[in-house]
Amino acid sequence: MFNCLVVDDEPIARDIILNYCSHLPQLRVLGSCGNVFEAKEILLQHPIDILFLDVHMPVLDGIAFLRTLKNKPQVIFTTAYKEYAVDAFELSACDYLVKPYSLERFIMAVDKATENRKAAGNEVNENRNTTPTDYFFIKADGKIYKLLYNQILLAEAKGNYTRIVCADQTLLPNMSFSSFESLLPPDLFIRVHRSFIINKSKIDHIEGNMVEIQQTQIPIGMNYKEPFLKALGI
């Protein structure tokens, strides 16, 4: 498993990368940031293998930010500007994707990054010596909650909020749906609708275009049904 970080000041651009990452089970997105200062905090707290980095961003651009990093992950630039490619590769960037780029091109860049990471002997996976965490912290209603992944049944998009339904409580943190999704391990959770993410281990049954979890019915979106069933091995 490779830990990833997405840094782009455009929400749509971040969502595209997150969607592309969801198709690659070897990737675990640990954060989605709108500026390099948020990214810096995550890099200080977590080991990041692959950094998806935009060039043009407020205050400090991606090229300048990369120069500040001492221990650089594999960096894949994602930008609308071709003219910075030379600067990027001089800083040992792994790849340089010019928007709009296809899923196929994205996968090629990721394959290159993961191969480089393996060659360097820094592959991060569930068999490493350190014990992977099975929880995370989230702020809601003026409190900070510790959530075990196994407690979460489903999550629903609610405007600028995300409704998190657990076995014993429901939380409504002021967090975008895509940001919350980036906190979840993709081997345990899957999006079944543009507004719903579910814990695969909590599924009771599936009937037609509905999945039921503890007497709650969740719709399965037309564009999500095939990858959902494939993820279940059906």
C-alpha atoms as a PDB file:
ATOM      1  CA  MET A   1       0.000   0.000   0.000  1.00  0.00           C
ATOM      2  CA  PHE A   2       1.308   3.452  -0.943  1.00  0.00           C
ATOM      3  CA  ASN A   3       0.342   6.581   0.995  1.00  0.00           C
ATOM      4  CA  CYS A   4      -0.630   9.526  -1.214  1.00  0.00           C
ATOM      5  CA  LEU A   5      -1.228  13.241  -0.764  1.00  0.00           C
ATOM      6  CA  VAL A   6      -3.177  15.456  -3.209  1.00  0.00           C
ATOM      7  CA  VAL A   7      -2.330  19.184  -3.362  1.00  0.00           C
ATOM      8  CA  ASP A   8      -4.266  21.443  -5.732  1.00  0.00           C
ATOM      9  CA  ASP A   9      -6.121  24.717  -5.133  1.00  0.00           C
ATOM     10  CA  GLU A  10      -8.960  23.684  -7.475  1.00  0.00           C
ATOM     11  CA  PRO A  11     -11.596  21.435  -5.784  1.00  0.00           C
ATOM     12  CA  ILE A  12     -12.619  19.891  -9.127  1.00  0.00           C
ATOM     13  CA  ALA A  13      -8.995  18.981  -9.889  1.00  0.00           C
ATOM     14  CA  ARG A  14      -8.639  17.361  -6.460  1.00  0.00           C
ATOM     15  CA  ASP A  15     -11.844  15.381  -6.973  1.00  0.00           C
ATOM     16  CA  ILE A  16     -10.583  14.061 -10.318  1.00  0.00           C
ATOM     17  CA  ILE A  17      -7.384  12.780  -8.708  1.00  0.00           C
ATOM     18  CA  LEU A  18      -9.308  11.249  -5.809  1.00  0.00           C
ATOM     19  CA  ASN A  19     -11.625   9.522  -8.278  1.00  0.00           C
ATOM     20  CA  TYR A  20      -8.668   8.200 -10.274  1.00  0.00           C
ATOM     21  CA  CYS A  21      -6.984   6.991  -7.074  1.00  0.00           C
ATOM     22  CA  SER A  22     -10.148   5.106  -6.095  1.00  0.00           C
ATOM     23  CA  HIS A  23      -9.606   2.809  -9.085  1.00  0.00           C
ATOM     24  CA  LEU A  24      -6.147   1.779  -7.820  1.00  0.00           C
ATOM     25  CA  PRO A  25      -6.374  -0.362  -4.661  1.00  0.00           C
ATOM     26  CA  GLN A  26      -2.646  -0.022  -3.960  1.00  0.00           C
ATOM     27  CA  LEU A  27      -3.113   3.704  -3.220  1.00  0.00           C
ATOM     28  CA  ARG A  28      -4.227   5.114   0.131  1.00  0.00           C
ATOM     29  CA  VAL A  29      -4.964   8.867   0.039  1.00  0.00           C
ATOM     30  CA  LEU A  30      -4.099  10.406   3.405  1.00  0.00           C
ATOM     31  CA  GLY A  31      -4.999  13.979   2.545  1.00  0.00           C
ATOM     32  CA  SER A  32      -6.455  16.370  -0.010  1.00  0.00           C
ATOM     33  CA  CYS A  33      -5.204  19.961   0.367  1.00  0.00           C
ATOM     34  CA  GLY A  34      -5.936  23.294  -1.265  1.00  0.00           C
ATOM     35  CA  ASN A  35      -2.532  24.822  -0.494  1.00  0.00           C
ATOM     36  CA  VAL A  36       1.026  23.762   0.284  1.00  0.00           C
ATOM     37  CA  PHE A  37       0.862  24.817   3.936  1.00  0.00           C
ATOM     38  CA  GLU A  38      -1.847  22.263   4.684  1.00  0.00           C
ATOM     39  CA  ALA A  39       0.256  19.726   2.786  1.00  0.00           C
ATOM     40  CA  LYS A  40       3.331  20.582   4.859  1.00  0.00           C
ATOM     41  CA  GLU A  41       1.495  19.650   8.059  1.00  0.00           C
ATOM     42  CA  ILE A  42       0.453  16.272   6.662  1.00  0.00           C
ATOM     43  CA  LEU A  43       3.961  15.561   5.395  1.00  0.00           C
ATOM     44  CA  LEU A  44       5.297  16.216   8.896  1.00  0.00           C
ATOM     45  CA  GLN A  45       2.769  13.860  10.471  1.00  0.00           C
ATOM     46  CA  HIS A  46       2.597  10.958   8.007  1.00  0.00           C
ATOM     47  CA  PRO A  47       4.958   9.069   5.693  1.00  0.00           C
ATOM     48  CA  ILE A  48       3.915   9.972   2.140  1.00  0.00           C
ATOM     49  CA  ASP A  49       5.028   7.858  -0.814  1.00  0.00           C
ATOM     50  CA  ILE A  50       3.402   9.743  -3.708  1.00  0.00           C
ATOM     51  CA  LEU A  51       2.658  13.476  -3.839  1.00  0.00           C
ATOM     52  CA  PHE A  52       0.253  14.740  -6.520  1.00  0.00           C
ATOM     53  CA  LEU A  53       1.207  18.417  -6.795  1.00  0.00           C
ATOM     54  CA  ASP A  54      -0.188  21.343  -8.782  1.00  0.00           C
ATOM     55  CA  VAL A  55       2.163  24.097  -9.979  1.00  0.00           C
ATOM     56  CA  HIS A  56       0.107  27.295  -9.767  1.00  0.00           C
ATOM     57  CA  MET A  57      -1.198  27.792  -6.223  1.00  0.00           C
ATOM     58  CA  PRO A  58      -1.665  30.791  -3.921  1.00  0.00           C
ATOM     59  CA  VAL A  59       1.259  32.230  -1.895  1.00  0.00           C
ATOM     60  CA  LEU A  60       3.754  29.452  -2.726  1.00  0.00           C
ATOM     61  CA  ASP A  61       3.677  27.471  -5.965  1.00  0.00           C
ATOM     62  CA  GLY A  62       4.351  23.763  -6.336  1.00  0.00           C
ATOM     63  CA  ILE A  63       7.852  24.134  -7.782  1.00  0.00           C
ATOM     64  CA  ALA A  64       8.975  26.392  -4.927  1.00  0.00           C
ATOM     65  CA  PHE A  65       7.308  24.107  -2.375  1.00  0.00           C
ATOM     66  CA  LEU A  66       9.130  21.059  -3.721  1.00  0.00           C
ATOM     67  CA  ARG A  67      12.442  22.880  -3.285  1.00  0.00           C
ATOM     68  CA  THR A  68      11.695  23.250   0.440  1.00  0.00           C
ATOM     69  CA  LEU A  69      11.287  19.512   1.029  1.00  0.00           C
ATOM     70  CA  LYS A  70      14.255  17.614   2.408  1.00  0.00           C
ATOM     71  CA  ASN A  71      12.870  14.100   2.223  1.00  0.00           C
ATOM     72  CA  LYS A  72      10.985  14.128  -1.054  1.00  0.00           C
ATOM     73  CA  PRO A  73       8.335  11.510  -1.884  1.00  0.00           C
ATOM     74  CA  GLN A  74       7.690  10.490  -5.463  1.00  0.00           C
ATOM     75  CA  VAL A  75       6.220  13.663  -6.967  1.00  0.00           C
ATOM     76  CA  ILE A  76       3.737  13.670  -9.841  1.00  0.00           C
ATOM     77  CA  PHE A  77       2.964  17.193 -11.015  1.00  0.00           C
ATOM     78  CA  THR A  78      -0.598  17.789 -12.233  1.00  0.00           C
ATOM     79  CA  THR A  79      -0.904  21.150 -13.953  1.00  0.00           C
ATOM     80  CA  ALA A  80      -2.404  23.068 -16.862  1.00  0.00           C
ATOM     81  CA  TYR A  81       0.988  24.601 -17.711  1.00  0.00           C
ATOM     82  CA  LYS A  82       3.482  22.760 -19.924  1.00  0.00           C
ATOM     83  CA  GLU A  83       6.308  25.288 -19.517  1.00  0.00           C
ATOM     84  CA  TYR A  84       7.334  24.180 -16.019  1.00  0.00           C
ATOM     85  CA  ALA A  85       8.192  20.604 -16.971  1.00  0.00           C
ATOM     86  CA  VAL A  86      11.946  21.263 -17.190  1.00  0.00           C
ATOM     87  CA  ASP A  87      11.999  22.816 -13.709  1.00  0.00           C
ATOM     88  CA  ALA A  88       9.986  19.895 -12.369  1.00  0.00           C
ATOM     89  CA  PHE A  89      12.280  17.216 -13.735  1.00  0.00           C
ATOM     90  CA  GLU A  90      15.346  19.129 -12.546  1.00  0.00           C
ATOM     91  CA  LEU A  91      13.887  18.650  -9.071  1.00  0.00           C
ATOM     92  CA  SER A  92      13.634  14.895  -9.756  1.00  0.00           C
ATOM     93  CA  ALA A  93       9.875  14.834 -10.252  1.00  0.00           C
ATOM     94  CA  CYS A  94       8.627  11.376 -11.140  1.00  0.00           C
ATOM     95  CA  ASP A  95       6.195  12.565 -13.837  1.00  0.00           C
ATOM     96  CA  TYR A  96       4.444  15.642 -15.192  1.00  0.00           C
ATOM     97  CA  LEU A  97       0.767  15.422 -16.159  1.00  0.00           C
ATOM     98  CA  VAL A  98      -0.776  18.251 -18.160  1.00  0.00           C
ATOM     99  CA  LYS A  99      -4.494  18.831 -17.551  1.00  0.00           C
ATOM    100  CA  PRO A 100      -6.752  17.412 -18.789  1.00  0.00           C
ATOM    101  CA  TYR A 101      -5.125  13.983 -18.549  1.00  0.00           C
ATOM    102  CA  SER A 102      -6.736  10.579 -18.953  1.00  0.00           C
ATOM    103  CA  LEU A 103      -7.031   7.791 -16.402  1.00  0.00           C
ATOM    104  CA  GLU A 104      -4.685   5.739 -18.580  1.00  0.00           C
ATOM    105  CA  ARG A 105      -2.000   8.443 -18.419  1.00  0.00           C
ATOM    106  CA  PHE A 106      -2.563   8.790 -14.667  1.00  0.00           C
ATOM    107  CA  ILE A 107      -2.062   5.044 -14.143  1.00  0.00           C
ATOM    108  CA  MET A 108       1.190   5.145 -16.116  1.00  0.00           C
ATOM    109  CA  ALA A 109       2.499   7.899 -13.834  1.00  0.00           C
ATOM    110  CA  VAL A 110       1.447   6.011 -10.700  1.00  0.00           C
ATOM    111  CA  ASP A 111       3.073   2.794 -11.939  1.00  0.00           C
ATOM    112  CA  LYS A 112       6.319   4.675 -12.451  1.00  0.00           C
ATOM    113  CA  ALA A 113       6.127   6.193  -8.967  1.00  0.00           C
ATOM    114  CA  THR A 114       5.396   2.888  -7.250  1.00  0.00           C
ATOM    115  CA  GLU A 115       8.211   1.149  -9.122  1.00  0.00           C
ATOM    116  CA  ASN A 116      10.607   3.900  -8.040  1.00  0.00           C
ATOM    117  CA  ARG A 117       9.403   3.575  -4.454  1.00  0.00           C
ATOM    118  CA  LYS A 118       9.875  -0.177  -4.448  1.00  0.00           C
ATOM    119  CA  ALA A 119      13.350   0.167  -5.942  1.00  0.00           C
ATOM    120  CA  ALA A 120      14.283   2.552  -3.140  1.00  0.00           C
ATOM    121  CA  GLY A 121      13.152  -0.005  -0.590  1.00  0.00           C
ATOM    122  CA  ASN A 122      10.570   2.323   0.934  1.00  0.00           C
ATOM    123  CA  GLU A 123       7.369   0.503   0.077  1.00  0.00           C
ATOM    124  CA  VAL A 124       4.732   1.110   2.736  1.00  0.00           C
ATOM    125  CA  ASN A 125       2.236  -1.702   3.227  1.00  0.00           C
ATOM    126  CA  GLU A 126       0.396  -3.665   5.869  1.00  0.00           C
ATOM    127  CA  ASN A 127       3.355  -6.001   6.381  1.00  0.00           C
ATOM    128  CA  ARG A 128       5.739  -3.280   7.502  1.00  0.00           C
ATOM    129  CA  ASN A 129       7.206  -3.410  11.021  1.00  0.00           C
ATOM    130  CA  THR A 130       5.129  -0.554  12.410  1.00  0.00           C
ATOM    131  CA  THR A 131       1.540  -1.369  13.259  1.00  0.00           C
ATOM    132  CA  PRO A 132      -0.994   0.387  11.005  1.00  0.00           C
ATOM    133  CA  THR A 133      -3.629   2.367  12.856  1.00  0.00           C
ATOM    134  CA  ASP A 134      -7.256   1.270  12.733  1.00  0.00           C
ATOM    135  CA  TYR A 135      -8.676   4.635  13.758  1.00  0.00           C
ATOM    136  CA  PHE A 136      -8.569   8.382  13.098  1.00  0.00           C
ATOM    137  CA  PHE A 137      -9.668  11.568  14.864  1.00  0.00           C
ATOM    138  CA  ILE A 138     -12.348  13.944  13.648  1.00  0.00           C
ATOM    139  CA  LYS A 139     -13.809  17.202  14.994  1.00  0.00           C
ATOM    140  CA  ALA A 140     -17.588  17.644  15.297  1.00  0.00           C
ATOM    141  CA  ASP A 141     -19.868  19.662  17.576  1.00  0.00           C
ATOM    142  CA  GLY A 142     -16.903  21.296  19.290  1.00  0.00           C
ATOM    143  CA  LYS A 143     -15.440  17.922  20.298  1.00  0.00           C
ATOM    144  CA  ILE A 144     -12.710  15.676  18.868  1.00  0.00           C
ATOM    145  CA  TYR A 145     -13.823  12.085  18.389  1.00  0.00           C
ATOM    146  CA  LYS A 146     -11.724   8.983  17.958  1.00  0.00           C
ATOM    147  CA  LEU A 147     -13.380   6.783  15.325  1.00  0.00           C
ATOM    148  CA  LEU A 148     -12.502   3.168  14.668  1.00  0.00           C
ATOM    149  CA  TYR A 149     -12.932   2.243  11.018  1.00  0.00           C
ATOM    150  CA  ASN A 150     -14.917  -0.771  12.145  1.00  0.00           C
ATOM    151  CA  GLN A 151     -17.435   1.513  13.928  1.00  0.00           C
ATOM    152  CA  ILE A 152     -18.422   3.361  10.762  1.00  0.00           C
ATOM    153  CA  LEU A 153     -21.426   2.028   8.876  1.00  0.00           C
ATOM    154  CA  LEU A 154     -21.764   4.689   6.166  1.00  0.00           C
ATOM    155  CA  ALA A 155     -21.222   8.345   5.324  1.00  0.00           C
ATOM    156  CA  GLU A 156     -23.483  10.750   3.447  1.00  0.00           C
ATOM    157  CA  ALA A 157     -22.711  14.080   1.762  1.00  0.00           C
ATOM    158  CA  LYS A 158     -24.655  16.968   3.317  1.00  0.00           C
ATOM    159  CA  GLY A 159     -23.565  20.158   1.548  1.00  0.00           C
ATOM    160  CA  ASN A 160     -20.414  21.416   3.276  1.00  0.00           C
ATOM    161  CA  TYR A 161     -20.850  18.727   5.935  1.00  0.00           C
ATOM    162  CA  THR A 162     -20.512  14.953   6.007  1.00  0.00           C
ATOM    163  CA  ARG A 163     -22.969  12.826   7.973  1.00  0.00           C
ATOM    164  CA  ILE A 164     -21.107   9.897   9.535  1.00  0.00           C
ATOM    165  CA  VAL A 165     -23.304   7.046  10.751  1.00  0.00           C
ATOM    166  CA  CYS A 166     -21.640   4.762  13.291  1.00  0.00           C
ATOM    167  CA  ALA A 167     -22.926   1.785  15.207  1.00  0.00           C
ATOM    168  CA  ASP A 168     -23.598   3.889  18.323  1.00  0.00           C
ATOM    169  CA  GLN A 169     -23.712   7.527  17.166  1.00  0.00           C
ATOM    170  CA  THR A 170     -24.108   9.890  14.207  1.00  0.00           C
ATOM    171  CA  LEU A 171     -21.681  12.781  13.666  1.00  0.00           C
ATOM    172  CA  LEU A 172     -21.899  15.811  11.378  1.00  0.00           C
ATOM    173  CA  PRO A 173     -18.412  17.338  11.005  1.00  0.00           C
ATOM    174  CA  ASN A 174     -17.871  20.474   8.921  1.00  0.00           C
ATOM    175  CA  MET A 175     -15.878  18.583   6.299  1.00  0.00           C
ATOM    176  CA  SER A 176     -16.366  18.071   2.579  1.00  0.00           C
ATOM    177  CA  PHE A 177     -17.336  14.603   1.416  1.00  0.00           C
ATOM    178  CA  SER A 178     -14.178  14.175  -0.672  1.00  0.00           C
ATOM    179  CA  SER A 179     -11.971  15.217   2.272  1.00  0.00           C
ATOM    180  CA  PHE A 180     -13.665  12.661   4.519  1.00  0.00           C
ATOM    181  CA  GLU A 181     -13.348   9.978   1.842  1.00  0.00           C
ATOM    182  CA  SER A 182      -9.597  10.585   1.702  1.00  0.00           C
ATOM    183  CA  LEU A 183      -9.346   9.508   5.367  1.00  0.00           C
ATOM    184  CA  LEU A 184     -10.824   6.073   4.685  1.00  0.00           C
ATOM    185  CA  PRO A 185      -8.864   2.970   3.619  1.00  0.00           C
ATOM    186  CA  PRO A 186     -10.171   1.975   0.156  1.00  0.00           C
ATOM    187  CA  ASP A 187      -9.909  -1.723   0.975  1.00  0.00           C
ATOM    188  CA  LEU A 188     -12.630  -1.269   3.627  1.00  0.00           C
ATOM    189  CA  PHE A 189     -14.842   1.488   2.230  1.00  0.00           C
ATOM    190  CA  ILE A 190     -16.366   2.112  -1.177  1.00  0.00           C
ATOM    191  CA  ARG A 191     -18.481   4.856  -2.721  1.00  0.00           C
ATOM    192  CA  VAL A 192     -21.772   3.458  -4.024  1.00  0.00           C
ATOM    193  CA  HIS A 193     -23.354   6.799  -4.962  1.00  0.00           C
ATOM    194  CA  ARG A 194     -22.146  10.352  -5.451  1.00  0.00           C
ATOM    195  CA  SER A 195     -23.507  11.057  -1.952  1.00  0.00           C
ATOM    196  CA  PHE A 196     -22.837   7.774  -0.109  1.00  0.00           C
ATOM    197  CA  ILE A 197     -19.827   5.775   1.071  1.00  0.00           C
ATOM    198  CA  ILE A 198     -20.328   2.474   2.885  1.00  0.00           C
ATOM    199  CA  ASN A 199     -18.286   0.067   4.973  1.00  0.00           C
ATOM    200  CA  LYS A 200     -18.195  -3.113   2.879  1.00  0.00           C
ATOM    201  CA  SER A 201     -18.001  -5.345   5.957  1.00  0.00           C
ATOM    202  CA  LYS A 202     -21.325  -3.971   7.261  1.00  0.00           C
ATOM    203  CA  ILE A 203     -23.442  -4.892   4.225  1.00  0.00           C
ATOM    204  CA  ASP A 204     -26.454  -7.049   5.131  1.00  0.00           C
ATOM    205  CA  HIS A 205     -27.751  -7.574   1.602  1.00  0.00           C
ATOM    206  CA  ILE A 206     -28.080  -6.019  -1.843  1.00  0.00           C
ATOM    207  CA  GLU A 207     -31.327  -5.933  -3.773  1.00  0.00           C
ATOM    208  CA  GLY A 208     -31.670  -4.204  -7.126  1.00  0.00           C
ATOM    209  CA  ASN A 209     -30.150  -0.748  -6.844  1.00  0.00           C
ATOM    210  CA  MET A 210     -30.212  -0.662  -3.046  1.00  0.00           C
ATOM    211  CA  VAL A 211     -27.781  -1.912  -0.408  1.00  0.00           C
ATOM    212  CA  GLU A 212     -29.003  -2.442   3.159  1.00  0.00           C
ATOM    213  CA  ILE A 213     -26.925  -1.895   6.293  1.00  0.00           C
ATOM    214  CA  GLN A 214     -28.624  -2.446   9.658  1.00  0.00           C
ATOM    215  CA  GLN A 215     -32.104  -1.715   8.232  1.00  0.00           C
ATOM    216  CA  THR A 216     -30.898   1.416   6.437  1.00  0.00           C
ATOM    217  CA  GLN A 217     -31.262   1.383   2.653  1.00  0.00           C
ATOM    218  CA  ILE A 218     -28.604   3.174   0.603  1.00  0.00           C
ATOM    219  CA  PRO A 219     -29.047   3.813  -3.137  1.00  0.00           C
ATOM    220  CA  ILE A 220     -26.479   2.514  -5.613  1.00  0.00           C
ATOM    221  CA  GLY A 221     -25.742   5.063  -8.339  1.00  0.00           C
ATOM    222  CA  MET A 222     -25.839   3.966 -11.957  1.00  0.00           C
ATOM    223  CA  ASN A 223     -22.177   4.880 -12.533  1.00  0.00           C
ATOM    224  CA  TYR A 224     -21.062   3.175  -9.326  1.00  0.00           C
ATOM    225  CA  LYS A 225     -22.846  -0.180  -9.527  1.00  0.00           C
ATOM    226  CA  GLU A 226     -20.402  -2.035 -11.792  1.00  0.00           C
ATOM    227  CA  PRO A 227     -17.205  -1.059  -9.875  1.00  0.00           C
ATOM    228  CA  PHE A 228     -19.055  -1.692  -6.581  1.00  0.00           C
ATOM    229  CA  LEU A 229     -20.023  -5.234  -7.527  1.00  0.00           C
ATOM    230  CA  LYS A 230     -16.545  -5.834  -8.946  1.00  0.00           C
ATOM    231  CA  ALA A 231     -15.002  -4.752  -5.631  1.00  0.00           C
ATOM    232  CA  LEU A 232     -17.201  -7.353  -3.915  1.00  0.00           C
ATOM    233  CA  GLY A 233     -16.003 -10.029  -6.319  1.00  0.00           C
ATOM    234  CA  ILE A 234     -19.411 -10.371  -7.975  1.00  0.00           C
END
